[in-house]
């Protein structure tokens, strides 16, 4: 009987551990919206970079739009970075629940500050052509725990 109790306790601990490690409902992605209107000119994945002319992985999507068109937070979250980031030019990074982060790059204007809380649909900046960019566009990324994932699975 003692072995049965010990086995039951061990089984309970194992199941509990698996449930905890599998994640919680808060790991679900937020409900994202498209951050600006326009044609998607470059999908997620490998491609030849239009300016650098070399093949490399594209960690997001590019949305062609008029210079100065509003860019909106695609989900509620906290602004963790605003500024210039190499080839991204002017960029905003927003952290969301569940380990998600969105990145908005090649911006003309940035309308938010670091540490600011934003709601889905808040204007955060405008479309630009900063950094390594050939046209006015928004480069948009979704990351989960730092790893880029295809944004189109969230904003269709």
N, C-alpha and C. Protein backbone atom coordinates (compact mmCIF):
# COMPACT_ATOMS: atom_id res chain seq x y z
N UNK A 1 0.82 -1.19 0.00
CA UNK A 1 0.00 0.00 0.00
C UNK A 1 0.87 1.27 0.00
N UNK A 2 2.00 1.18 0.75
CA UNK A 2 2.89 2.32 0.82
C UNK A 2 3.44 2.67 -0.56
N UNK A 3 3.75 1.64 -1.38
CA UNK A 3 4.29 1.86 -2.72
C UNK A 3 3.24 2.51 -3.62
N UNK A 4 1.98 2.11 -3.44
CA UNK A 4 0.90 2.67 -4.25
C UNK A 4 0.75 4.17 -3.94
N UNK A 5 0.84 4.53 -2.66
CA UNK A 5 0.74 5.93 -2.26
C UNK A 5 1.93 6.73 -2.81
N UNK A 6 3.12 6.17 -2.70
CA UNK A 6 4.31 6.85 -3.22
C UNK A 6 4.22 7.01 -4.73
N UNK A 7 3.74 5.98 -5.42
CA UNK A 7 3.57 6.05 -6.88
C UNK A 7 2.55 7.13 -7.24
N UNK A 8 1.43 7.17 -6.51
CA UNK A 8 0.40 8.17 -6.78
C UNK A 8 0.94 9.58 -6.57
N UNK A 9 1.72 9.77 -5.50
CA UNK A 9 2.31 11.09 -5.23
C UNK A 9 3.29 11.48 -6.33
N UNK A 10 4.12 10.53 -6.76
CA UNK A 10 5.09 10.81 -7.83
C UNK A 10 4.37 11.13 -9.13
N UNK A 11 3.31 10.40 -9.43
CA UNK A 11 2.53 10.65 -10.64
C UNK A 11 1.90 12.04 -10.60
N UNK A 12 1.37 12.42 -9.44
CA UNK A 12 0.78 13.75 -9.29
C UNK A 12 1.83 14.84 -9.55
N UNK A 13 3.01 14.69 -8.96
CA UNK A 13 4.09 15.67 -9.15
C UNK A 13 4.48 15.75 -10.62
N UNK A 14 4.58 14.61 -11.28
CA UNK A 14 4.94 14.58 -12.70
C UNK A 14 3.89 15.31 -13.54
N UNK A 15 2.63 15.01 -13.32
CA UNK A 15 1.56 15.65 -14.10
C UNK A 15 1.54 17.16 -13.82
N UNK A 16 1.66 17.53 -12.56
CA UNK A 16 1.68 18.95 -12.19
C UNK A 16 2.83 19.68 -12.88
N UNK A 17 4.00 19.07 -12.90
CA UNK A 17 5.18 19.66 -13.54
C UNK A 17 4.96 19.83 -15.03
N UNK A 18 4.40 18.82 -15.68
CA UNK A 18 4.14 18.90 -17.12
C UNK A 18 3.17 20.03 -17.43
N UNK A 19 2.12 20.16 -16.63
CA UNK A 19 1.14 21.22 -16.85
C UNK A 19 1.80 22.59 -16.69
N UNK A 20 2.62 22.76 -15.67
CA UNK A 20 3.30 24.04 -15.45
C UNK A 20 4.26 24.36 -16.59
N UNK A 21 5.06 23.38 -17.01
CA UNK A 21 6.04 23.61 -18.07
C UNK A 21 5.39 23.81 -19.43
N UNK A 22 4.21 23.26 -19.61
CA UNK A 22 3.52 23.38 -20.90
C UNK A 22 3.04 24.81 -21.14
N UNK A 23 2.97 25.57 -20.09
CA UNK A 23 2.53 26.96 -20.26
C UNK A 23 1.13 27.15 -19.74
N UNK A 24 0.77 28.39 -19.64
CA UNK A 24 -0.53 28.73 -19.12
C UNK A 24 -1.33 29.41 -20.21
N UNK A 25 -2.62 29.64 -19.95
CA UNK A 25 -3.43 30.34 -20.95
C UNK A 25 -2.89 31.72 -21.29
N UNK A 26 -2.09 32.33 -20.40
CA UNK A 26 -1.54 33.66 -20.71
C UNK A 26 -0.45 33.58 -21.78
N UNK A 27 -0.01 32.37 -22.13
CA UNK A 27 0.97 32.22 -23.21
C UNK A 27 0.32 32.39 -24.58
N UNK A 28 -1.00 32.45 -24.61
CA UNK A 28 -1.69 32.64 -25.89
C UNK A 28 -1.31 34.02 -26.43
N UNK A 29 -1.21 34.11 -27.75
CA UNK A 29 -0.87 35.43 -28.31
C UNK A 29 -2.01 36.41 -28.10
N UNK A 30 -1.67 37.68 -27.95
CA UNK A 30 -2.72 38.70 -27.91
C UNK A 30 -3.46 38.70 -29.24
N UNK A 31 -4.60 39.33 -29.28
CA UNK A 31 -5.33 39.50 -30.54
C UNK A 31 -4.70 40.69 -31.26
N UNK A 32 -3.92 40.40 -32.30
CA UNK A 32 -3.21 41.45 -33.04
C UNK A 32 -4.07 42.01 -34.16
N UNK A 33 -3.87 43.29 -34.46
CA UNK A 33 -4.46 43.91 -35.65
C UNK A 33 -3.32 44.32 -36.58
N UNK A 34 -3.64 44.51 -37.85
CA UNK A 34 -2.64 44.99 -38.81
C UNK A 34 -2.25 46.41 -38.40
N UNK A 35 -0.95 46.70 -38.29
CA UNK A 35 -0.53 47.99 -37.75
C UNK A 35 -0.70 49.19 -38.69
N UNK A 36 -0.85 48.95 -39.96
CA UNK A 36 -1.13 50.03 -40.92
C UNK A 36 -1.73 49.38 -42.16
N UNK A 37 -2.40 50.19 -42.96
CA UNK A 37 -2.98 49.68 -44.19
C UNK A 37 -1.97 49.76 -45.32
N UNK A 38 -2.07 48.82 -46.24
CA UNK A 38 -1.18 48.83 -47.40
C UNK A 38 -0.91 47.43 -47.89
N UNK A 39 -0.20 47.38 -49.00
CA UNK A 39 0.14 46.10 -49.64
C UNK A 39 1.36 45.48 -48.97
N UNK A 40 1.27 44.19 -48.69
CA UNK A 40 2.43 43.47 -48.16
C UNK A 40 3.34 43.16 -49.33
N UNK A 41 4.51 43.80 -49.33
CA UNK A 41 5.44 43.67 -50.46
C UNK A 41 6.55 42.67 -50.22
N UNK A 42 6.76 42.28 -48.97
CA UNK A 42 7.80 41.30 -48.65
C UNK A 42 7.32 40.44 -47.50
N UNK A 43 7.15 39.14 -47.73
CA UNK A 43 6.69 38.24 -46.67
C UNK A 43 7.82 37.83 -45.73
N UNK A 44 7.46 37.13 -44.70
CA UNK A 44 8.40 36.53 -43.75
C UNK A 44 9.14 35.39 -44.44
N UNK A 45 10.43 35.25 -44.17
CA UNK A 45 11.20 34.12 -44.71
C UNK A 45 12.40 34.57 -45.52
N UNK A 46 13.05 33.62 -46.16
CA UNK A 46 14.25 33.92 -46.95
C UNK A 46 13.89 34.70 -48.21
N UNK A 47 14.78 35.63 -48.56
CA UNK A 47 14.59 36.45 -49.76
C UNK A 47 15.89 37.15 -50.09
N UNK A 48 15.94 37.74 -51.28
CA UNK A 48 17.06 38.60 -51.66
C UNK A 48 16.69 40.01 -51.20
N UNK A 49 17.53 40.59 -50.36
CA UNK A 49 17.26 41.93 -49.83
C UNK A 49 17.26 42.93 -50.97
N UNK A 50 16.23 43.79 -51.06
CA UNK A 50 16.11 44.71 -52.21
C UNK A 50 17.20 45.78 -52.28
N UNK A 51 17.82 46.12 -51.17
CA UNK A 51 18.87 47.14 -51.17
C UNK A 51 20.25 46.49 -51.14
N UNK A 52 20.44 45.52 -50.26
CA UNK A 52 21.75 44.88 -50.09
C UNK A 52 22.06 43.85 -51.18
N UNK A 53 21.03 43.37 -51.85
CA UNK A 53 21.17 42.40 -52.96
C UNK A 53 21.82 41.08 -52.52
N UNK A 54 21.58 40.68 -51.28
CA UNK A 54 22.07 39.39 -50.79
C UNK A 54 20.89 38.61 -50.21
N UNK A 55 21.01 37.28 -50.26
CA UNK A 55 19.94 36.46 -49.69
C UNK A 55 20.10 36.42 -48.18
N UNK A 56 18.99 36.65 -47.50
CA UNK A 56 18.99 36.60 -46.04
C UNK A 56 17.57 36.39 -45.54
N UNK A 57 17.45 36.00 -44.30
CA UNK A 57 16.12 35.77 -43.71
C UNK A 57 15.47 37.11 -43.39
N UNK A 58 14.20 37.22 -43.75
CA UNK A 58 13.41 38.42 -43.45
C UNK A 58 12.55 38.09 -42.24
N UNK A 59 12.83 38.74 -41.11
CA UNK A 59 12.19 38.38 -39.84
C UNK A 59 10.79 38.95 -39.66
N UNK A 60 10.27 39.62 -40.66
CA UNK A 60 8.93 40.19 -40.54
C UNK A 60 8.29 40.31 -41.90
N UNK A 61 7.37 41.27 -42.00
CA UNK A 61 6.74 41.58 -43.29
C UNK A 61 6.94 43.07 -43.55
N UNK A 62 6.93 43.45 -44.82
CA UNK A 62 6.98 44.86 -45.19
C UNK A 62 5.63 45.26 -45.76
N UNK A 63 5.10 46.36 -45.25
CA UNK A 63 3.81 46.87 -45.71
C UNK A 63 4.07 48.22 -46.39
N UNK A 64 3.89 48.26 -47.71
CA UNK A 64 4.08 49.49 -48.48
C UNK A 64 2.92 50.44 -48.15
N UNK A 65 3.27 51.68 -47.83
CA UNK A 65 2.25 52.67 -47.48
C UNK A 65 2.82 54.07 -47.72
N UNK A 66 1.95 55.06 -47.86
CA UNK A 66 2.43 56.43 -48.08
C UNK A 66 3.24 56.96 -46.89
N UNK A 67 4.26 57.73 -47.19
CA UNK A 67 5.07 58.39 -46.17
C UNK A 67 4.14 59.19 -45.25
N UNK A 68 4.28 59.00 -43.95
CA UNK A 68 3.48 59.74 -42.99
C UNK A 68 2.17 59.09 -42.59
N UNK A 69 1.82 57.98 -43.23
CA UNK A 69 0.58 57.28 -42.85
C UNK A 69 0.70 56.77 -41.41
N UNK A 70 -0.39 56.85 -40.61
CA UNK A 70 -0.32 56.41 -39.22
C UNK A 70 0.02 54.92 -39.07
N UNK A 71 0.78 54.63 -38.01
CA UNK A 71 1.11 53.26 -37.61
C UNK A 71 0.50 53.08 -36.22
N UNK A 72 -0.18 51.95 -36.02
CA UNK A 72 -0.91 51.68 -34.78
C UNK A 72 -0.32 50.49 -34.04
N UNK A 73 -0.41 50.52 -32.70
CA UNK A 73 -0.02 49.37 -31.89
C UNK A 73 -0.94 48.22 -32.26
N UNK A 74 -0.36 47.08 -32.61
CA UNK A 74 -1.19 45.95 -33.05
C UNK A 74 -1.80 45.19 -31.88
N UNK A 75 -1.35 45.47 -30.65
CA UNK A 75 -1.93 44.89 -29.44
C UNK A 75 -1.51 45.75 -28.26
N UNK A 76 -2.21 45.63 -27.16
CA UNK A 76 -1.86 46.37 -25.95
C UNK A 76 -0.52 45.87 -25.42
N UNK A 77 0.25 46.78 -24.84
CA UNK A 77 1.53 46.38 -24.27
C UNK A 77 2.32 47.57 -23.77
N UNK A 78 3.59 47.31 -23.48
CA UNK A 78 4.49 48.34 -22.94
C UNK A 78 5.61 48.60 -23.94
N UNK A 79 5.82 49.87 -24.26
CA UNK A 79 6.91 50.27 -25.16
C UNK A 79 8.23 50.04 -24.41
N UNK A 80 9.10 49.22 -25.01
CA UNK A 80 10.38 48.91 -24.36
C UNK A 80 11.58 49.53 -25.09
N UNK A 81 11.36 50.01 -26.31
CA UNK A 81 12.45 50.66 -27.05
C UNK A 81 11.88 51.61 -28.07
N UNK A 82 12.46 52.79 -28.15
CA UNK A 82 12.21 53.73 -29.25
C UNK A 82 13.56 54.33 -29.62
N UNK A 83 13.79 54.46 -30.91
CA UNK A 83 15.04 55.07 -31.33
C UNK A 83 15.51 54.53 -32.65
N UNK A 84 16.79 54.72 -32.93
CA UNK A 84 17.39 54.24 -34.17
C UNK A 84 18.11 52.93 -33.88
N UNK A 85 17.87 51.95 -34.72
CA UNK A 85 18.46 50.61 -34.53
C UNK A 85 18.99 50.11 -35.87
N UNK A 86 20.20 50.56 -36.23
CA UNK A 86 20.87 50.08 -37.43
C UNK A 86 20.02 50.16 -38.68
N UNK A 87 19.94 49.05 -39.42
CA UNK A 87 19.21 48.99 -40.67
C UNK A 87 17.71 49.18 -40.52
N UNK A 88 17.20 49.03 -39.30
CA UNK A 88 15.77 49.26 -39.06
C UNK A 88 15.42 50.75 -39.11
N UNK A 89 16.41 51.61 -38.99
CA UNK A 89 16.13 53.04 -38.91
C UNK A 89 15.41 53.35 -37.61
N UNK A 90 14.42 54.24 -37.69
CA UNK A 90 13.63 54.57 -36.51
C UNK A 90 12.70 53.39 -36.21
N UNK A 91 12.72 52.94 -34.96
CA UNK A 91 12.00 51.72 -34.60
C UNK A 91 11.34 51.84 -33.24
N UNK A 92 10.24 51.12 -33.08
CA UNK A 92 9.54 50.98 -31.81
C UNK A 92 9.41 49.49 -31.53
N UNK A 93 9.68 49.10 -30.27
CA UNK A 93 9.47 47.71 -29.83
C UNK A 93 8.49 47.74 -28.66
N UNK A 94 7.48 46.87 -28.75
CA UNK A 94 6.44 46.80 -27.72
C UNK A 94 6.38 45.37 -27.19
N UNK A 95 6.42 45.22 -25.86
CA UNK A 95 6.25 43.91 -25.22
C UNK A 95 4.78 43.70 -24.90
N UNK A 96 4.34 42.46 -25.13
CA UNK A 96 2.95 42.06 -24.88
C UNK A 96 2.94 40.86 -23.94
N UNK A 97 1.81 40.56 -23.33
CA UNK A 97 1.74 39.40 -22.44
C UNK A 97 2.12 38.10 -23.16
N UNK A 98 2.58 37.13 -22.39
CA UNK A 98 2.88 35.81 -22.94
C UNK A 98 4.21 35.70 -23.64
N UNK A 99 5.11 36.68 -23.46
CA UNK A 99 6.42 36.61 -24.10
C UNK A 99 6.44 37.12 -25.53
N UNK A 100 5.40 37.81 -25.96
CA UNK A 100 5.33 38.34 -27.33
C UNK A 100 5.89 39.75 -27.38
N UNK A 101 6.47 40.09 -28.51
CA UNK A 101 6.98 41.44 -28.77
C UNK A 101 6.68 41.77 -30.22
N UNK A 102 6.31 43.04 -30.48
CA UNK A 102 6.15 43.50 -31.86
C UNK A 102 7.20 44.58 -32.12
N UNK A 103 7.63 44.63 -33.39
CA UNK A 103 8.66 45.57 -33.82
C UNK A 103 8.11 46.33 -35.03
N UNK A 104 8.25 47.65 -35.00
CA UNK A 104 7.76 48.54 -36.06
C UNK A 104 8.96 49.35 -36.53
N UNK A 105 9.39 49.16 -37.78
CA UNK A 105 10.65 49.75 -38.23
C UNK A 105 10.48 50.59 -39.50
N UNK A 106 11.52 51.36 -39.81
CA UNK A 106 11.61 52.30 -40.93
C UNK A 106 10.65 53.48 -40.74
N UNK A 107 10.34 53.80 -39.50
CA UNK A 107 9.36 54.85 -39.20
C UNK A 107 9.89 56.24 -39.55
N UNK A 108 8.95 57.14 -39.87
CA UNK A 108 9.28 58.55 -40.08
C UNK A 108 9.24 59.28 -38.74
N UNK A 109 8.14 59.09 -38.01
CA UNK A 109 7.99 59.73 -36.70
C UNK A 109 7.62 58.69 -35.66
N UNK A 110 8.10 58.91 -34.45
CA UNK A 110 7.78 58.06 -33.29
C UNK A 110 6.96 58.91 -32.33
N UNK A 111 5.78 58.43 -31.95
CA UNK A 111 4.85 59.21 -31.13
C UNK A 111 4.73 58.70 -29.69
N UNK A 112 5.54 57.72 -29.30
CA UNK A 112 5.46 57.14 -27.96
C UNK A 112 6.83 57.20 -27.30
N UNK A 113 6.85 56.94 -26.00
CA UNK A 113 8.09 56.96 -25.24
C UNK A 113 8.29 55.60 -24.57
N UNK A 114 9.55 55.26 -24.29
CA UNK A 114 9.84 54.02 -23.59
C UNK A 114 9.12 54.01 -22.24
N UNK A 115 8.69 52.82 -21.84
CA UNK A 115 7.93 52.57 -20.60
C UNK A 115 6.46 52.95 -20.71
N UNK A 116 6.04 53.55 -21.82
CA UNK A 116 4.64 53.94 -21.99
C UNK A 116 3.78 52.71 -22.26
N UNK A 117 2.61 52.66 -21.63
CA UNK A 117 1.62 51.61 -21.90
C UNK A 117 0.79 52.07 -23.10
N UNK A 118 0.55 51.17 -24.04
CA UNK A 118 -0.29 51.49 -25.19
C UNK A 118 -1.40 50.46 -25.30
N UNK A 119 -2.48 50.88 -25.89
CA UNK A 119 -3.61 49.99 -26.15
C UNK A 119 -3.63 49.62 -27.63
N UNK A 120 -4.24 48.50 -27.93
CA UNK A 120 -4.40 48.11 -29.33
C UNK A 120 -5.10 49.23 -30.09
N UNK A 121 -4.51 49.64 -31.21
CA UNK A 121 -5.10 50.69 -32.03
C UNK A 121 -4.60 52.09 -31.75
N UNK A 122 -3.80 52.27 -30.68
CA UNK A 122 -3.22 53.59 -30.42
C UNK A 122 -2.20 53.93 -31.50
N UNK A 123 -2.22 55.19 -31.99
CA UNK A 123 -1.20 55.59 -32.95
C UNK A 123 0.13 55.71 -32.22
N UNK A 124 1.16 55.04 -32.78
CA UNK A 124 2.48 55.04 -32.15
C UNK A 124 3.54 55.74 -33.01
N UNK A 125 3.23 55.99 -34.28
CA UNK A 125 4.18 56.62 -35.18
C UNK A 125 3.61 56.76 -36.56
N UNK A 126 4.51 57.03 -37.53
CA UNK A 126 4.08 57.14 -38.92
C UNK A 126 5.06 56.38 -39.82
N UNK A 127 4.54 55.94 -40.95
CA UNK A 127 5.32 55.20 -41.95
C UNK A 127 6.45 56.09 -42.45
N UNK A 128 7.62 55.47 -42.63
CA UNK A 128 8.77 56.22 -43.11
C UNK A 128 9.61 55.43 -44.09
N UNK A 129 10.84 55.91 -44.27
CA UNK A 129 11.80 55.29 -45.18
C UNK A 129 13.19 55.42 -44.57
N UNK A 130 13.30 55.15 -43.26
CA UNK A 130 14.57 55.30 -42.55
C UNK A 130 15.30 53.96 -42.49
N UNK A 131 16.59 54.03 -42.24
CA UNK A 131 17.39 52.80 -42.18
C UNK A 131 17.65 52.28 -43.58
N UNK A 132 17.86 50.98 -43.70
CA UNK A 132 18.10 50.36 -45.01
C UNK A 132 16.75 50.00 -45.60
N UNK A 133 16.22 50.90 -46.40
CA UNK A 133 14.88 50.78 -46.96
C UNK A 133 14.86 51.44 -48.33
N UNK A 134 14.14 50.83 -49.26
CA UNK A 134 14.09 51.36 -50.62
C UNK A 134 12.88 52.25 -50.88
N UNK A 135 11.82 52.07 -50.08
CA UNK A 135 10.57 52.81 -50.28
C UNK A 135 9.95 53.13 -48.93
N UNK A 136 8.93 54.00 -48.94
CA UNK A 136 8.15 54.25 -47.72
C UNK A 136 7.40 52.96 -47.39
N UNK A 137 7.63 52.46 -46.18
CA UNK A 137 7.03 51.19 -45.78
C UNK A 137 7.12 51.02 -44.28
N UNK A 138 6.37 50.07 -43.77
CA UNK A 138 6.50 49.64 -42.38
C UNK A 138 7.04 48.22 -42.40
N UNK A 139 8.15 48.00 -41.73
CA UNK A 139 8.65 46.64 -41.49
C UNK A 139 8.06 46.26 -40.13
N UNK A 140 7.33 45.12 -40.09
CA UNK A 140 6.60 44.70 -38.89
C UNK A 140 6.99 43.29 -38.52
N UNK A 141 7.36 43.09 -37.27
CA UNK A 141 7.73 41.76 -36.77
C UNK A 141 6.90 41.39 -35.55
N UNK A 142 6.69 40.09 -35.39
CA UNK A 142 6.17 39.52 -34.15
C UNK A 142 7.22 38.54 -33.66
N UNK A 143 7.57 38.65 -32.39
CA UNK A 143 8.54 37.73 -31.79
C UNK A 143 7.90 37.05 -30.58
N UNK A 144 8.27 35.80 -30.37
CA UNK A 144 7.84 35.04 -29.19
C UNK A 144 9.11 34.62 -28.46
N UNK A 145 9.28 35.11 -27.24
CA UNK A 145 10.49 34.84 -26.45
C UNK A 145 11.76 35.14 -27.25
N UNK A 146 11.73 36.24 -28.01
CA UNK A 146 12.90 36.69 -28.76
C UNK A 146 13.05 36.10 -30.15
N UNK A 147 12.24 35.11 -30.50
CA UNK A 147 12.36 34.46 -31.81
C UNK A 147 11.30 35.01 -32.77
N UNK A 148 11.76 35.45 -33.95
CA UNK A 148 10.84 35.99 -34.95
C UNK A 148 9.93 34.89 -35.48
N UNK A 149 8.63 35.21 -35.57
CA UNK A 149 7.64 34.29 -36.14
C UNK A 149 6.82 35.06 -37.18
N UNK A 150 6.22 34.34 -38.09
CA UNK A 150 5.49 34.97 -39.20
C UNK A 150 4.30 35.78 -38.69
N UNK A 151 4.31 37.11 -38.87
CA UNK A 151 3.21 37.94 -38.40
C UNK A 151 1.87 37.62 -39.07
N UNK A 152 1.92 37.07 -40.28
CA UNK A 152 0.66 36.84 -41.00
C UNK A 152 -0.22 35.80 -40.32
N UNK A 153 0.35 34.96 -39.48
CA UNK A 153 -0.49 34.00 -38.76
C UNK A 153 -1.33 34.69 -37.68
N UNK A 154 -1.02 35.95 -37.38
CA UNK A 154 -1.75 36.69 -36.35
C UNK A 154 -2.65 37.78 -36.90
N UNK A 155 -2.34 38.34 -38.06
CA UNK A 155 -3.07 39.54 -38.53
C UNK A 155 -3.84 39.32 -39.83
N UNK A 156 -4.12 38.10 -40.19
CA UNK A 156 -4.80 37.82 -41.46
C UNK A 156 -6.09 38.59 -41.58
